[in-house]
Amino acid sequence: MTAYTTNSNSSHNSAHSEKFSKSVEEMERLWVVQLYREHAEIASYHRIVYKPTIIKIVETKSAWGQWDPFLRTISLSKRLIREHSWDVVLEILKHEMAHQYVTDCMGLVNETAHGISFKVACERVGVAPWAARATGEIPEIIPTLRERVLSREDERLLDRVAKLLSLAQSTNEHEALLAMERVRELYAKHNFAKLRQSDSAEAMDSMFVTRHKKKTDATETKILSILSSHFRVCVIHTHLYDSKVCTRFKAAEIMGRRENILMAEFVYHFLAQQCGSLWVAHKKLTKCPGSRRRSYQLGILAGFNNKLVQTQKLDEVASTALGMTSKEVMALIKMDKSEIDTFVGMRYPRISNKSWGTGSVDRESFESGQTAGRSLNLNKPMAKSESFGGFLS
């Protein structure tokens, strides 16, 4: 909001300024309340018992956060909350909670700030790798997922994928399908090569996605299931606070290798967009009632999923190109799953398995959606504004 610059002393302007000031103060109060809640939930989830703690938000430019063992205070920067999404705020909070763990649970006060004990604490608290790697003050610029040290090979992969997705826009369905299969093959080769090099621990990361809704609908649940089944990532259903509106929404955390997460993020937004646009076109053409939207969209996703199942044998193609035996392939697939499981276990030590039902569907609408889904090809967005974060633009 733009501040008043007039010299008027009108009571109206004073009242307006006071109202605005109170709203800012109220937001900051709600942020602190939420931080206390997050601190308690993180501690409970990881079964850590902390001593009483003070959490405050401060106006500082020297650090994003700080743990003071003598005043028993965790301080977080106002600018951090203003300029970054809540998942970033959470990692900075957990970074400071790791310092607190060293003090409260390991009994160390004079330990080197980011030494071995701190690294152990980060694993115990489930701090994301990028936040745990800080060696001094947390960097002035918090890197995005792609900026978190993607290798040259990873960058080349994403560039090649972007070109292939452009080909997938072809009206020739055979050509479009070949482009899509080529993308899957590239990822399979890339992942096998990385696993053979044992280059994975530092490449593991996570990303939150949310539609800012209170409930996760059946369509989004199916999209997230497709990501887990076909794109070498693990998806956890969770929630995420939005500091702009001071409300917590349903969210999903996508975990795996950075390059795989970026691809999964693209597919997530692509499918969400396609489900929306294809339904609008179908409804306009058939005049069917809005109550059939869920059935039609689930059909789209079922058809697209079946299409992906047909290309699952690309792992064999990739392994042949790398000169690997079937035994080596099985060992690497097992290693891949083990590394993701280890990372997920660090982030979420207590996961409850829950079945997500889709409810009843209208068979006719579902089958119409399936037909549309089988014709759906991943392709690069036409407009830059639709680049889904820009990682493939």
Protein backbone atom coordinates (compact mmCIF):
# COMPACT_ATOMS: atom_id res chain seq x y z
CA MET A 1 0.00 0.00 0.00
CA THR A 2 1.33 3.48 -0.89
CA ALA A 3 1.95 5.74 2.12
CA TYR A 4 0.20 9.11 2.32
CA THR A 5 2.40 12.09 1.32
CA THR A 6 -0.11 14.88 1.85
CA ASN A 7 0.45 17.42 4.63
CA SER A 8 -3.23 17.33 5.52
CA ASN A 9 -3.94 16.77 9.19
CA SER A 10 -7.44 15.46 8.55
CA SER A 11 -8.72 12.93 11.03
CA HIS A 12 -9.73 10.74 8.08
CA ASN A 13 -6.12 10.25 6.98
CA SER A 14 -4.96 9.67 10.55
CA ALA A 15 -7.66 7.08 11.14
CA HIS A 16 -6.82 5.35 7.86
CA SER A 17 -3.11 5.22 8.71
CA GLU A 18 -3.86 3.90 12.18
CA LYS A 19 -6.13 1.22 10.70
CA PHE A 20 -3.41 0.18 8.24
CA SER A 21 -0.80 0.13 11.02
CA LYS A 22 -3.00 -2.10 13.15
CA SER A 23 -3.58 -4.49 10.24
CA VAL A 24 0.18 -4.88 9.77
CA GLU A 25 0.63 -5.43 13.48
CA GLU A 26 -2.16 -7.98 13.47
CA MET A 27 -0.57 -9.86 10.58
CA GLU A 28 2.77 -9.99 12.35
CA ARG A 29 1.03 -11.23 15.51
CA LEU A 30 -0.60 -14.01 13.48
CA TRP A 31 2.75 -14.90 11.93
CA VAL A 32 4.28 -15.34 15.38
CA VAL A 33 1.32 -17.46 16.50
CA GLN A 34 1.79 -19.67 13.43
CA LEU A 35 5.54 -19.97 14.02
CA TYR A 36 4.91 -21.20 17.57
CA ARG A 37 2.45 -23.72 16.14
CA GLU A 38 4.95 -24.87 13.48
CA HIS A 39 7.72 -25.17 16.09
CA ALA A 40 5.52 -27.36 18.29
CA GLU A 41 4.36 -29.53 15.36
CA ILE A 42 7.90 -30.05 14.04
CA ALA A 43 9.16 -31.00 17.50
CA SER A 44 6.24 -33.36 18.08
CA TYR A 45 6.50 -34.96 14.65
CA HIS A 46 10.21 -35.67 15.07
CA ARG A 47 9.72 -36.66 18.74
CA ILE A 48 12.06 -33.95 20.03
CA VAL A 49 11.60 -32.40 23.46
CA TYR A 50 12.74 -28.77 23.54
CA LYS A 51 12.94 -26.52 26.55
CA PRO A 52 10.63 -23.43 26.61
CA THR A 53 11.42 -21.18 23.66
CA ILE A 54 10.69 -17.59 22.66
CA ILE A 55 10.00 -16.90 18.98
CA LYS A 56 10.00 -13.38 17.61
CA ILE A 57 10.07 -11.55 14.29
CA VAL A 58 12.69 -8.84 13.96
CA GLU A 59 13.63 -6.13 11.46
CA THR A 60 17.12 -7.21 10.48
CA LYS A 61 19.24 -7.46 7.36
CA SER A 62 22.16 -9.35 8.88
CA ALA A 63 20.56 -12.81 8.90
CA TRP A 64 17.36 -14.58 7.95
CA GLY A 65 17.22 -16.21 11.37
CA GLN A 66 19.14 -16.67 14.61
CA TRP A 67 19.11 -18.90 17.69
CA ASP A 68 20.26 -17.27 20.95
CA PRO A 69 21.04 -20.07 23.48
CA PHE A 70 21.32 -17.65 26.42
CA LEU A 71 18.05 -15.76 25.86
CA ARG A 72 16.51 -18.96 24.45
CA THR A 73 15.12 -17.04 21.51
CA ILE A 74 14.60 -17.88 17.84
CA SER A 75 14.47 -14.70 15.77
CA LEU A 76 13.29 -14.62 12.18
CA SER A 77 13.57 -11.72 9.77
CA LYS A 78 10.42 -9.83 8.77
CA ARG A 79 11.84 -9.54 5.27
CA LEU A 80 12.09 -13.33 5.08
CA ILE A 81 8.34 -13.67 5.65
CA ARG A 82 7.44 -10.74 3.40
CA GLU A 83 9.55 -11.85 0.44
CA HIS A 84 9.43 -15.65 0.53
CA SER A 85 6.83 -18.40 0.56
CA TRP A 86 6.11 -20.19 3.82
CA ASP A 87 7.98 -23.38 2.86
CA VAL A 88 11.17 -21.28 2.77
CA VAL A 89 10.28 -19.71 6.13
CA LEU A 90 9.80 -23.21 7.56
CA GLU A 91 13.26 -24.34 6.46
CA ILE A 92 14.88 -21.30 8.08
CA LEU A 93 12.87 -22.01 11.24
CA LYS A 94 14.05 -25.64 11.17
CA HIS A 95 17.62 -24.44 10.58
CA GLU A 96 17.41 -22.49 13.83
CA MET A 97 15.66 -25.41 15.53
CA ALA A 98 18.69 -27.53 14.58
CA HIS A 99 20.89 -25.04 16.44
CA GLN A 100 18.46 -25.28 19.35
CA TYR A 101 18.72 -29.09 19.20
CA VAL A 102 22.49 -28.86 19.62
CA THR A 103 21.92 -26.73 22.74
CA ASP A 104 18.92 -28.47 24.29
CA CYS A 105 19.37 -32.10 23.30
CA MET A 106 23.13 -32.46 22.84
CA GLY A 107 24.10 -30.11 25.69
CA LEU A 108 26.59 -28.20 23.56
CA VAL A 109 26.81 -24.41 23.85
CA ASN A 110 30.28 -23.58 22.55
CA GLU A 111 30.13 -25.97 19.59
CA THR A 112 31.24 -24.64 16.18
CA ALA A 113 28.15 -23.00 14.67
CA HIS A 114 27.83 -25.28 11.64
CA GLY A 115 30.02 -28.19 12.60
CA ILE A 116 29.42 -31.93 12.78
CA SER A 117 26.92 -31.70 15.64
CA PHE A 118 24.85 -29.21 13.67
CA LYS A 119 24.77 -31.51 10.64
CA VAL A 120 23.55 -34.36 12.85
CA ALA A 121 20.89 -32.03 14.28
CA CYS A 122 19.75 -31.02 10.78
CA GLU A 123 19.08 -34.66 9.91
CA ARG A 124 17.25 -35.12 13.20
CA VAL A 125 15.01 -32.10 12.58
CA GLY A 126 14.56 -32.82 8.85
CA VAL A 127 16.13 -29.63 7.51
CA ALA A 128 16.18 -29.40 3.70
CA PRO A 129 19.70 -29.85 2.25
CA TRP A 130 19.91 -26.29 0.88
CA ALA A 131 19.10 -24.83 4.31
CA ALA A 132 21.40 -27.26 6.14
CA ARG A 133 24.40 -26.46 3.93
CA ALA A 134 24.77 -22.89 5.22
CA THR A 135 28.29 -22.38 6.55
CA GLY A 136 27.84 -18.98 8.12
CA GLU A 137 25.06 -16.48 7.79
CA ILE A 138 22.29 -17.72 5.53
CA PRO A 139 22.84 -16.26 2.01
CA GLU A 140 21.37 -12.88 1.16
CA ILE A 141 19.55 -14.48 -1.78
CA ILE A 142 17.74 -17.73 -1.11
CA PRO A 143 18.13 -19.84 -4.27
CA THR A 144 15.20 -21.31 -6.18
CA LEU A 145 15.12 -25.04 -6.82
CA ARG A 146 16.85 -24.76 -10.21
CA GLU A 147 19.52 -22.48 -8.73
CA ARG A 148 20.43 -25.08 -6.12
CA VAL A 149 23.45 -26.29 -8.05
CA LEU A 150 22.00 -28.17 -10.99
CA SER A 151 24.90 -29.82 -12.81
CA ARG A 152 25.72 -29.11 -16.45
CA GLU A 153 24.26 -32.52 -17.30
CA ASP A 154 21.02 -31.60 -15.53
CA GLU A 155 20.83 -28.28 -17.38
CA ARG A 156 21.45 -29.99 -20.72
CA LEU A 157 18.71 -32.50 -19.92
CA LEU A 158 16.17 -29.76 -19.21
CA ASP A 159 17.15 -27.88 -22.37
CA ARG A 160 16.72 -31.02 -24.50
CA VAL A 161 13.39 -31.73 -22.85
CA ALA A 162 12.21 -28.19 -23.61
CA LYS A 163 12.98 -28.72 -27.31
CA LEU A 164 11.20 -32.08 -27.34
CA LEU A 165 8.13 -30.62 -25.68
CA SER A 166 8.01 -28.05 -28.44
CA LEU A 167 7.85 -30.94 -30.93
CA ALA A 168 5.05 -32.49 -28.88
CA GLN A 169 2.83 -29.58 -29.99
CA SER A 170 2.68 -31.21 -33.41
CA THR A 171 -0.82 -31.94 -34.73
CA ASN A 172 0.59 -35.27 -35.94
CA GLU A 173 -0.32 -37.54 -33.01
CA HIS A 174 2.35 -40.14 -33.91
CA GLU A 175 5.06 -37.47 -33.96
CA ALA A 176 3.80 -35.97 -30.70
CA LEU A 177 3.76 -39.38 -29.00
CA LEU A 178 7.32 -40.10 -30.15
CA ALA A 179 8.46 -36.78 -28.65
CA MET A 180 6.78 -37.64 -25.36
CA GLU A 181 8.36 -41.11 -25.32
CA ARG A 182 11.74 -39.56 -26.07
CA VAL A 183 11.36 -37.32 -23.00
CA ARG A 184 10.69 -40.37 -20.81
CA GLU A 185 13.68 -42.19 -22.35
CA LEU A 186 15.99 -39.22 -21.71
CA TYR A 187 14.98 -39.12 -18.05
CA ALA A 188 15.45 -42.87 -17.66
CA LYS A 189 18.99 -42.69 -19.12
CA HIS A 190 19.82 -39.64 -17.04
CA ASN A 191 18.71 -41.25 -13.78
CA PHE A 192 20.49 -44.53 -14.42
CA ALA A 193 23.70 -42.67 -15.28
CA LYS A 194 23.45 -40.63 -12.07
CA LEU A 195 22.83 -43.74 -9.96
CA ARG A 196 25.83 -45.52 -11.47
CA GLN A 197 27.96 -42.53 -10.47
CA SER A 198 26.50 -42.65 -6.93
CA ASP A 199 25.71 -38.98 -7.47
CA SER A 200 22.46 -38.59 -5.61
CA ALA A 201 22.63 -37.56 -1.96
CA GLU A 202 23.35 -33.90 -2.71
CA ALA A 203 20.87 -33.87 -5.59
CA MET A 204 17.86 -34.74 -3.41
CA ASP A 205 15.49 -31.86 -2.76
CA SER A 206 11.83 -30.97 -2.39
CA MET A 207 9.22 -28.53 -3.63
CA PHE A 208 5.76 -27.57 -2.35
CA VAL A 209 2.80 -27.12 -4.68
CA THR A 210 -0.60 -25.81 -3.58
CA ARG A 211 -3.83 -24.59 -5.16
CA HIS A 212 -4.65 -22.57 -2.03
CA LYS A 213 -7.68 -24.67 -1.19
CA LYS A 214 -8.88 -26.09 2.12
CA LYS A 215 -9.52 -29.52 0.61
CA THR A 216 -7.69 -31.70 -1.92
CA ASP A 217 -10.16 -32.76 -4.60
CA ALA A 218 -10.15 -36.08 -6.47
CA THR A 219 -8.66 -34.54 -9.63
CA GLU A 220 -5.61 -33.14 -7.85
CA THR A 221 -5.17 -36.38 -5.90
CA LYS A 222 -5.02 -38.31 -9.18
CA ILE A 223 -2.54 -35.84 -10.69
CA LEU A 224 -0.25 -36.26 -7.68
CA SER A 225 -0.60 -40.04 -7.96
CA ILE A 226 0.55 -39.87 -11.60
CA LEU A 227 3.64 -37.91 -10.53
CA SER A 228 4.57 -40.58 -7.95
CA SER A 229 3.94 -43.45 -10.36
CA HIS A 230 5.75 -42.19 -13.44
CA PHE A 231 8.19 -39.36 -12.71
CA ARG A 232 10.62 -40.76 -10.10
CA VAL A 233 9.45 -38.58 -7.23
CA CYS A 234 7.64 -39.16 -3.95
CA VAL A 235 4.63 -36.98 -3.14
CA ILE A 236 3.45 -36.32 0.42
CA HIS A 237 0.06 -34.73 1.11
CA THR A 238 0.50 -31.99 3.69
CA HIS A 239 -0.47 -28.36 4.30
CA LEU A 240 1.21 -24.97 3.93
CA TYR A 241 0.56 -21.60 5.57
CA ASP A 242 0.15 -18.49 3.42
CA SER A 243 1.51 -15.43 5.23
CA LYS A 244 -0.27 -13.04 2.82
CA VAL A 245 -3.73 -14.15 3.97
CA CYS A 246 -2.72 -15.77 7.27
CA THR A 247 -4.41 -19.05 6.39
CA ARG A 248 -3.24 -22.64 6.07
CA PHE A 249 -4.08 -24.53 2.86
CA LYS A 250 -3.76 -28.09 1.62
CA ALA A 251 -0.48 -28.70 -0.22
CA ALA A 252 1.78 -31.44 -1.53
CA GLU A 253 5.54 -31.80 -1.13
CA ILE A 254 7.31 -33.34 -4.13
CA MET A 255 10.63 -35.00 -3.25
CA GLY A 256 13.40 -36.53 -5.35
CA ARG A 257 16.26 -35.40 -7.57
CA ARG A 258 16.07 -31.73 -8.47
CA GLU A 259 15.76 -32.36 -12.21
CA ASN A 260 12.98 -34.91 -11.60
CA ILE A 261 11.12 -32.49 -9.31
CA LEU A 262 11.25 -29.80 -11.99
CA MET A 263 9.77 -32.20 -14.53
CA ALA A 264 7.09 -33.31 -12.05
CA GLU A 265 6.22 -29.68 -11.32
CA PHE A 266 5.76 -29.04 -15.03
CA VAL A 267 3.52 -32.10 -15.40
CA TYR A 268 1.48 -31.08 -12.33
CA HIS A 269 0.63 -27.65 -13.75
CA PHE A 270 0.25 -28.99 -17.28
CA LEU A 271 -2.33 -31.59 -16.24
CA ALA A 272 -4.19 -29.14 -13.99
CA GLN A 273 -4.42 -26.67 -16.88
CA GLN A 274 -5.47 -29.32 -19.39
CA CYS A 275 -8.16 -30.73 -17.09
CA GLY A 276 -9.63 -27.26 -16.81
CA SER A 277 -9.49 -26.29 -20.48
CA LEU A 278 -10.61 -29.68 -21.84
CA TRP A 279 -13.60 -29.68 -19.48
CA VAL A 280 -14.66 -26.20 -20.60
CA ALA A 281 -14.49 -27.28 -24.26
CA HIS A 282 -16.35 -30.55 -23.55
CA LYS A 283 -19.10 -28.83 -21.57
CA LYS A 284 -19.60 -26.24 -24.31
CA LEU A 285 -19.79 -28.95 -26.98
CA THR A 286 -22.05 -31.43 -25.16
CA LYS A 287 -24.04 -29.06 -22.91
CA CYS A 288 -23.57 -31.57 -20.07
CA PRO A 289 -24.17 -30.37 -16.48
CA GLY A 290 -21.35 -29.07 -14.28
CA SER A 291 -21.92 -31.98 -11.88
CA ARG A 292 -20.08 -34.22 -14.34
CA ARG A 293 -16.86 -32.18 -14.27
CA ARG A 294 -15.10 -34.48 -11.78
CA SER A 295 -16.02 -37.63 -13.74
CA TYR A 296 -14.77 -36.14 -17.01
CA GLN A 297 -11.50 -34.88 -15.52
CA LEU A 298 -10.81 -38.19 -13.78
CA GLY A 299 -11.36 -39.83 -17.16
CA ILE A 300 -8.79 -37.49 -18.74
CA LEU A 301 -6.23 -38.44 -16.11
CA ALA A 302 -7.02 -42.17 -16.40
CA GLY A 303 -6.50 -42.01 -20.16
CA PHE A 304 -3.25 -40.07 -19.80
CA ASN A 305 -2.05 -42.49 -17.10
CA ASN A 306 -2.70 -45.47 -19.38
CA LYS A 307 -0.65 -43.77 -22.05
CA LEU A 308 2.26 -43.40 -19.62
CA VAL A 309 1.99 -47.06 -18.59
CA GLN A 310 2.60 -48.01 -22.23
CA THR A 311 6.00 -46.28 -22.13
CA GLN A 312 7.22 -47.80 -18.84
CA LYS A 313 9.46 -50.25 -20.69
CA LEU A 314 11.69 -47.32 -21.62
CA ASP A 315 13.86 -48.24 -18.62
CA GLU A 316 14.96 -51.26 -20.65
CA VAL A 317 15.77 -49.06 -23.65
CA ALA A 318 17.81 -46.72 -21.46
CA SER A 319 19.72 -49.56 -19.82
CA THR A 320 20.61 -51.10 -23.19
CA ALA A 321 21.98 -47.76 -24.40
CA LEU A 322 24.20 -47.63 -21.29
CA GLY A 323 25.41 -51.22 -21.74
CA MET A 324 23.72 -52.49 -18.57
CA THR A 325 22.43 -55.97 -17.80
CA SER A 326 18.89 -56.57 -16.51
CA LYS A 327 20.41 -57.49 -13.13
CA GLU A 328 22.18 -54.13 -12.95
CA VAL A 329 18.95 -52.36 -13.90
CA MET A 330 17.02 -54.03 -11.06
CA ALA A 331 19.81 -53.17 -8.59
CA LEU A 332 19.79 -49.52 -9.66
CA ILE A 333 16.00 -49.28 -9.50
CA LYS A 334 16.18 -50.66 -5.96
CA MET A 335 18.94 -48.16 -5.10
CA ASP A 336 16.89 -45.31 -6.56
CA LYS A 337 13.90 -46.22 -4.39
CA SER A 338 16.11 -46.65 -1.33
CA GLU A 339 17.65 -43.19 -1.72
CA ILE A 340 14.27 -41.51 -2.10
CA ASP A 341 12.91 -43.48 0.87
CA THR A 342 15.88 -42.37 2.98
CA PHE A 343 15.33 -38.72 2.08
CA VAL A 344 11.59 -38.93 2.67
CA GLY A 345 12.25 -40.68 5.99
CA MET A 346 14.44 -37.78 7.07
CA ARG A 347 11.75 -35.24 6.13
CA TYR A 348 8.78 -37.30 7.32
CA PRO A 349 9.81 -39.94 9.90
CA ARG A 350 6.17 -40.82 10.60
CA ILE A 351 4.06 -41.22 7.47
CA SER A 352 0.56 -42.63 7.60
CA ASN A 353 -0.65 -44.44 4.52
CA LYS A 354 -4.09 -43.29 3.49
CA SER A 355 -6.21 -44.46 0.59
CA TRP A 356 -7.72 -41.67 -1.47
CA GLY A 357 -11.05 -42.67 -2.98
CA THR A 358 -12.50 -40.88 -6.00
CA GLY A 359 -16.13 -41.61 -5.20
CA SER A 360 -18.72 -42.56 -7.81
CA VAL A 361 -18.33 -41.31 -11.37
CA ASP A 362 -20.60 -40.79 -14.33
CA ARG A 363 -19.52 -43.57 -16.72
CA GLU A 364 -20.31 -41.70 -19.94
CA SER A 365 -18.40 -38.57 -18.87
CA PHE A 366 -15.52 -40.67 -17.55
CA GLU A 367 -15.16 -42.54 -20.86
CA SER A 368 -15.30 -39.28 -22.82
CA GLY A 369 -12.53 -37.97 -20.59
CA GLN A 370 -10.48 -41.12 -21.14
CA THR A 371 -10.63 -40.59 -24.89
CA ALA A 372 -9.38 -37.01 -24.45
CA GLY A 373 -6.67 -38.16 -22.02
CA ARG A 374 -5.32 -40.78 -24.42
CA SER A 375 -4.85 -38.00 -27.00
CA LEU A 376 -3.12 -35.71 -24.51
CA ASN A 377 0.60 -35.06 -25.06
CA LEU A 378 2.97 -33.19 -22.81
CA ASN A 379 4.03 -30.02 -24.59
CA LYS A 380 5.80 -26.81 -23.83
CA PRO A 381 3.43 -23.92 -22.95
CA MET A 382 2.90 -21.50 -25.82
CA ALA A 383 3.12 -18.32 -23.75
CA LYS A 384 5.87 -17.35 -21.35
CA SER A 385 3.25 -16.38 -18.79
CA GLU A 386 2.18 -20.03 -18.79
CA SER A 387 5.68 -21.40 -18.33
CA PHE A 388 4.86 -22.90 -14.93
CA GLY A 389 7.75 -21.30 -13.06
CA GLY A 390 9.91 -20.83 -16.14
CA PHE A 391 12.03 -23.95 -15.73
CA LEU A 392 11.31 -25.07 -19.27
CA SER A 393 11.00 -21.63 -20.87
